[in-house]
């Protein structure tokens, strides 16, 4: 009997399912990688929004006469 069949008999229904990272936290490795991917995208989106807001405030705003930051 091959090793995979032996493992399948021992594990039963849990065969092929991912194990959680730690026993008391029901998060798998794939879920944690997906979380990291989404948080990285969200962080870069926030950086782009902040940078565009700063450029608008610093350069475009005074050019439109909203306020003058050069004083």
N, C-alpha and C. Protein backbone atom coordinates (compact mmCIF):
# COMPACT_ATOMS: atom_id res chain seq x y z
N UNK A 1 0.85 -1.17 0.00
CA UNK A 1 0.00 0.00 0.00
C UNK A 1 0.90 1.23 0.00
N UNK A 2 0.52 2.22 -0.82
CA UNK A 2 1.31 3.43 -0.90
C UNK A 2 1.11 4.35 0.29
N UNK A 3 2.04 5.28 0.44
CA UNK A 3 2.00 6.21 1.59
C UNK A 3 0.74 7.08 1.55
N UNK A 4 0.34 7.56 0.38
CA UNK A 4 -0.83 8.44 0.31
C UNK A 4 -2.11 7.69 0.68
N UNK A 5 -2.23 6.43 0.28
CA UNK A 5 -3.42 5.65 0.66
C UNK A 5 -3.44 5.40 2.16
N UNK A 6 -2.26 5.16 2.73
CA UNK A 6 -2.17 4.94 4.17
C UNK A 6 -2.59 6.21 4.91
N UNK A 7 -2.08 7.35 4.43
CA UNK A 7 -2.44 8.63 5.03
C UNK A 7 -3.94 8.89 4.90
N UNK A 8 -4.50 8.55 3.75
CA UNK A 8 -5.93 8.77 3.51
C UNK A 8 -6.77 7.93 4.46
N UNK A 9 -6.36 6.70 4.73
CA UNK A 9 -7.09 5.86 5.66
C UNK A 9 -6.99 6.39 7.09
N UNK A 10 -5.82 6.88 7.45
CA UNK A 10 -5.63 7.38 8.81
C UNK A 10 -6.41 8.67 9.04
N UNK A 11 -6.34 9.60 8.08
CA UNK A 11 -6.99 10.90 8.25
C UNK A 11 -8.49 10.87 7.99
N UNK A 12 -8.95 9.99 7.15
CA UNK A 12 -10.38 9.88 6.86
C UNK A 12 -10.90 11.10 6.12
N UNK A 13 -11.90 11.77 6.70
CA UNK A 13 -12.53 12.94 6.07
C UNK A 13 -11.61 14.15 6.00
N UNK A 14 -10.61 14.21 6.84
CA UNK A 14 -9.71 15.36 6.87
C UNK A 14 -8.61 15.28 5.83
N UNK A 15 -8.56 14.20 5.05
CA UNK A 15 -7.53 14.03 4.04
C UNK A 15 -7.69 15.08 2.94
N UNK A 16 -6.63 15.78 2.63
CA UNK A 16 -6.64 16.78 1.57
C UNK A 16 -7.05 18.16 2.04
N UNK A 17 -7.48 18.31 3.27
CA UNK A 17 -7.86 19.61 3.79
C UNK A 17 -6.64 20.27 4.42
N UNK A 18 -6.62 21.59 4.32
CA UNK A 18 -5.49 22.32 4.91
C UNK A 18 -5.61 22.37 6.43
N UNK A 19 -4.47 22.31 7.07
CA UNK A 19 -4.46 22.43 8.52
C UNK A 19 -4.39 23.90 8.90
N UNK A 20 -4.97 24.28 10.03
CA UNK A 20 -4.84 25.66 10.48
C UNK A 20 -3.40 25.99 10.87
N UNK A 21 -3.06 27.28 10.84
CA UNK A 21 -1.70 27.71 11.18
C UNK A 21 -1.37 27.33 12.63
N UNK A 22 -2.26 27.68 13.52
CA UNK A 22 -2.14 27.26 14.92
C UNK A 22 -3.45 26.57 15.30
N UNK A 23 -3.39 25.68 16.25
CA UNK A 23 -4.55 24.84 16.56
C UNK A 23 -5.75 25.64 17.09
N UNK A 24 -5.51 26.72 17.80
CA UNK A 24 -6.61 27.47 18.40
C UNK A 24 -7.15 28.58 17.49
N UNK A 25 -6.56 28.78 16.30
CA UNK A 25 -7.00 29.82 15.37
C UNK A 25 -7.42 29.17 14.05
N UNK A 26 -8.70 29.25 13.69
CA UNK A 26 -9.17 28.53 12.50
C UNK A 26 -8.86 29.26 11.19
N UNK A 27 -7.59 29.58 10.96
CA UNK A 27 -7.17 30.26 9.73
C UNK A 27 -6.11 29.38 9.07
N UNK A 28 -6.33 29.09 7.79
CA UNK A 28 -5.36 28.25 7.07
C UNK A 28 -4.28 29.13 6.45
N UNK A 29 -3.25 28.49 5.94
CA UNK A 29 -2.15 29.20 5.32
C UNK A 29 -2.62 29.97 4.07
N UNK A 30 -3.49 29.37 3.29
CA UNK A 30 -4.01 30.03 2.09
C UNK A 30 -4.82 31.27 2.45
N UNK A 31 -5.61 31.18 3.51
CA UNK A 31 -6.39 32.33 3.96
C UNK A 31 -5.49 33.45 4.45
N UNK A 32 -4.41 33.12 5.13
CA UNK A 32 -3.50 34.15 5.62
C UNK A 32 -2.77 34.82 4.45
N UNK A 33 -2.43 34.05 3.42
CA UNK A 33 -1.79 34.64 2.25
C UNK A 33 -2.76 35.56 1.51
N UNK A 34 -4.02 35.16 1.43
CA UNK A 34 -5.03 36.00 0.78
C UNK A 34 -5.22 37.30 1.57
N UNK A 35 -5.23 37.21 2.89
CA UNK A 35 -5.35 38.39 3.74
C UNK A 35 -4.18 39.34 3.51
N UNK A 36 -2.98 38.80 3.43
CA UNK A 36 -1.80 39.63 3.20
C UNK A 36 -1.86 40.30 1.82
N UNK A 37 -2.36 39.58 0.83
CA UNK A 37 -2.47 40.15 -0.52
C UNK A 37 -3.45 41.32 -0.52
N UNK A 38 -4.62 41.16 0.13
CA UNK A 38 -5.62 42.23 0.16
C UNK A 38 -5.15 43.43 0.98
N UNK A 39 -4.47 43.19 2.10
CA UNK A 39 -3.99 44.31 2.89
C UNK A 39 -2.89 45.07 2.17
N UNK A 40 -2.05 44.36 1.40
CA UNK A 40 -1.02 45.04 0.62
C UNK A 40 -1.65 45.92 -0.46
N UNK A 41 -2.65 45.39 -1.14
CA UNK A 41 -3.35 46.19 -2.15
C UNK A 41 -4.03 47.40 -1.53
N UNK A 42 -4.65 47.20 -0.38
CA UNK A 42 -5.31 48.30 0.31
C UNK A 42 -4.32 49.37 0.75
N UNK A 43 -3.16 48.95 1.21
CA UNK A 43 -2.13 49.89 1.63
C UNK A 43 -1.64 50.72 0.46
N UNK A 44 -1.38 50.08 -0.68
CA UNK A 44 -0.93 50.83 -1.86
C UNK A 44 -2.02 51.77 -2.36
N UNK A 45 -3.28 51.35 -2.29
CA UNK A 45 -4.38 52.23 -2.70
C UNK A 45 -4.44 53.46 -1.79
N UNK A 46 -4.26 53.25 -0.49
CA UNK A 46 -4.27 54.38 0.45
C UNK A 46 -3.10 55.32 0.19
N UNK A 47 -1.94 54.78 -0.16
CA UNK A 47 -0.78 55.62 -0.48
C UNK A 47 -1.05 56.47 -1.71
N UNK A 48 -1.66 55.87 -2.73
CA UNK A 48 -1.98 56.62 -3.96
C UNK A 48 -2.99 57.71 -3.66
N UNK A 49 -4.02 57.42 -2.87
CA UNK A 49 -5.02 58.43 -2.52
C UNK A 49 -4.38 59.56 -1.73
N UNK A 50 -3.55 59.22 -0.75
CA UNK A 50 -2.89 60.24 0.06
C UNK A 50 -1.97 61.11 -0.79
N UNK A 51 -1.22 60.51 -1.69
CA UNK A 51 -0.32 61.25 -2.56
C UNK A 51 -1.09 62.18 -3.50
N UNK A 52 -2.18 61.68 -4.08
CA UNK A 52 -2.97 62.54 -4.97
C UNK A 52 -3.63 63.68 -4.19
N UNK A 53 -4.08 63.42 -2.97
CA UNK A 53 -4.64 64.48 -2.14
C UNK A 53 -3.58 65.53 -1.82
N UNK A 54 -2.37 65.09 -1.49
CA UNK A 54 -1.29 66.02 -1.16
C UNK A 54 -0.92 66.87 -2.38
N UNK A 55 -0.82 66.25 -3.55
CA UNK A 55 -0.49 67.00 -4.76
C UNK A 55 -1.57 68.04 -5.05
N UNK A 56 -2.83 67.63 -4.90
CA UNK A 56 -3.93 68.57 -5.11
C UNK A 56 -3.84 69.73 -4.13
N UNK A 57 -3.63 69.41 -2.88
CA UNK A 57 -3.57 70.45 -1.85
C UNK A 57 -2.38 71.37 -2.03
N UNK A 58 -1.24 70.82 -2.40
CA UNK A 58 0.00 71.60 -2.44
C UNK A 58 0.17 72.40 -3.73
N UNK A 59 -0.17 71.82 -4.87
CA UNK A 59 0.12 72.46 -6.14
C UNK A 59 -1.12 72.98 -6.88
N UNK A 60 -2.16 72.18 -6.92
CA UNK A 60 -3.34 72.59 -7.71
C UNK A 60 -4.19 73.59 -6.94
N UNK A 61 -4.34 73.40 -5.63
CA UNK A 61 -5.16 74.29 -4.82
C UNK A 61 -4.73 75.75 -4.89
N UNK A 62 -3.47 76.07 -4.63
CA UNK A 62 -3.05 77.47 -4.72
C UNK A 62 -3.17 78.03 -6.15
N UNK A 63 -2.99 77.18 -7.15
CA UNK A 63 -3.13 77.64 -8.53
C UNK A 63 -4.56 78.03 -8.85
N UNK A 64 -5.53 77.43 -8.18
CA UNK A 64 -6.93 77.77 -8.40
C UNK A 64 -7.38 78.90 -7.47
N UNK A 65 -6.49 79.34 -6.60
CA UNK A 65 -6.82 80.45 -5.71
C UNK A 65 -7.53 80.02 -4.45
N UNK A 66 -7.47 78.74 -4.11
CA UNK A 66 -8.14 78.30 -2.89
C UNK A 66 -7.45 78.85 -1.66
N UNK A 67 -6.14 78.72 -1.60
CA UNK A 67 -5.33 79.28 -0.53
C UNK A 67 -3.90 79.31 -0.99
N UNK A 68 -3.13 80.12 -0.32
CA UNK A 68 -1.74 80.24 -0.73
C UNK A 68 -0.86 79.71 0.39
N UNK A 69 -0.16 78.63 0.13
CA UNK A 69 0.70 78.01 1.12
C UNK A 69 2.10 78.59 1.11
N UNK A 70 2.39 79.48 0.17
CA UNK A 70 3.72 80.02 0.03
C UNK A 70 3.97 81.17 1.00
N UNK A 71 2.97 81.66 1.67
CA UNK A 71 3.13 82.80 2.57
C UNK A 71 3.90 82.44 3.80
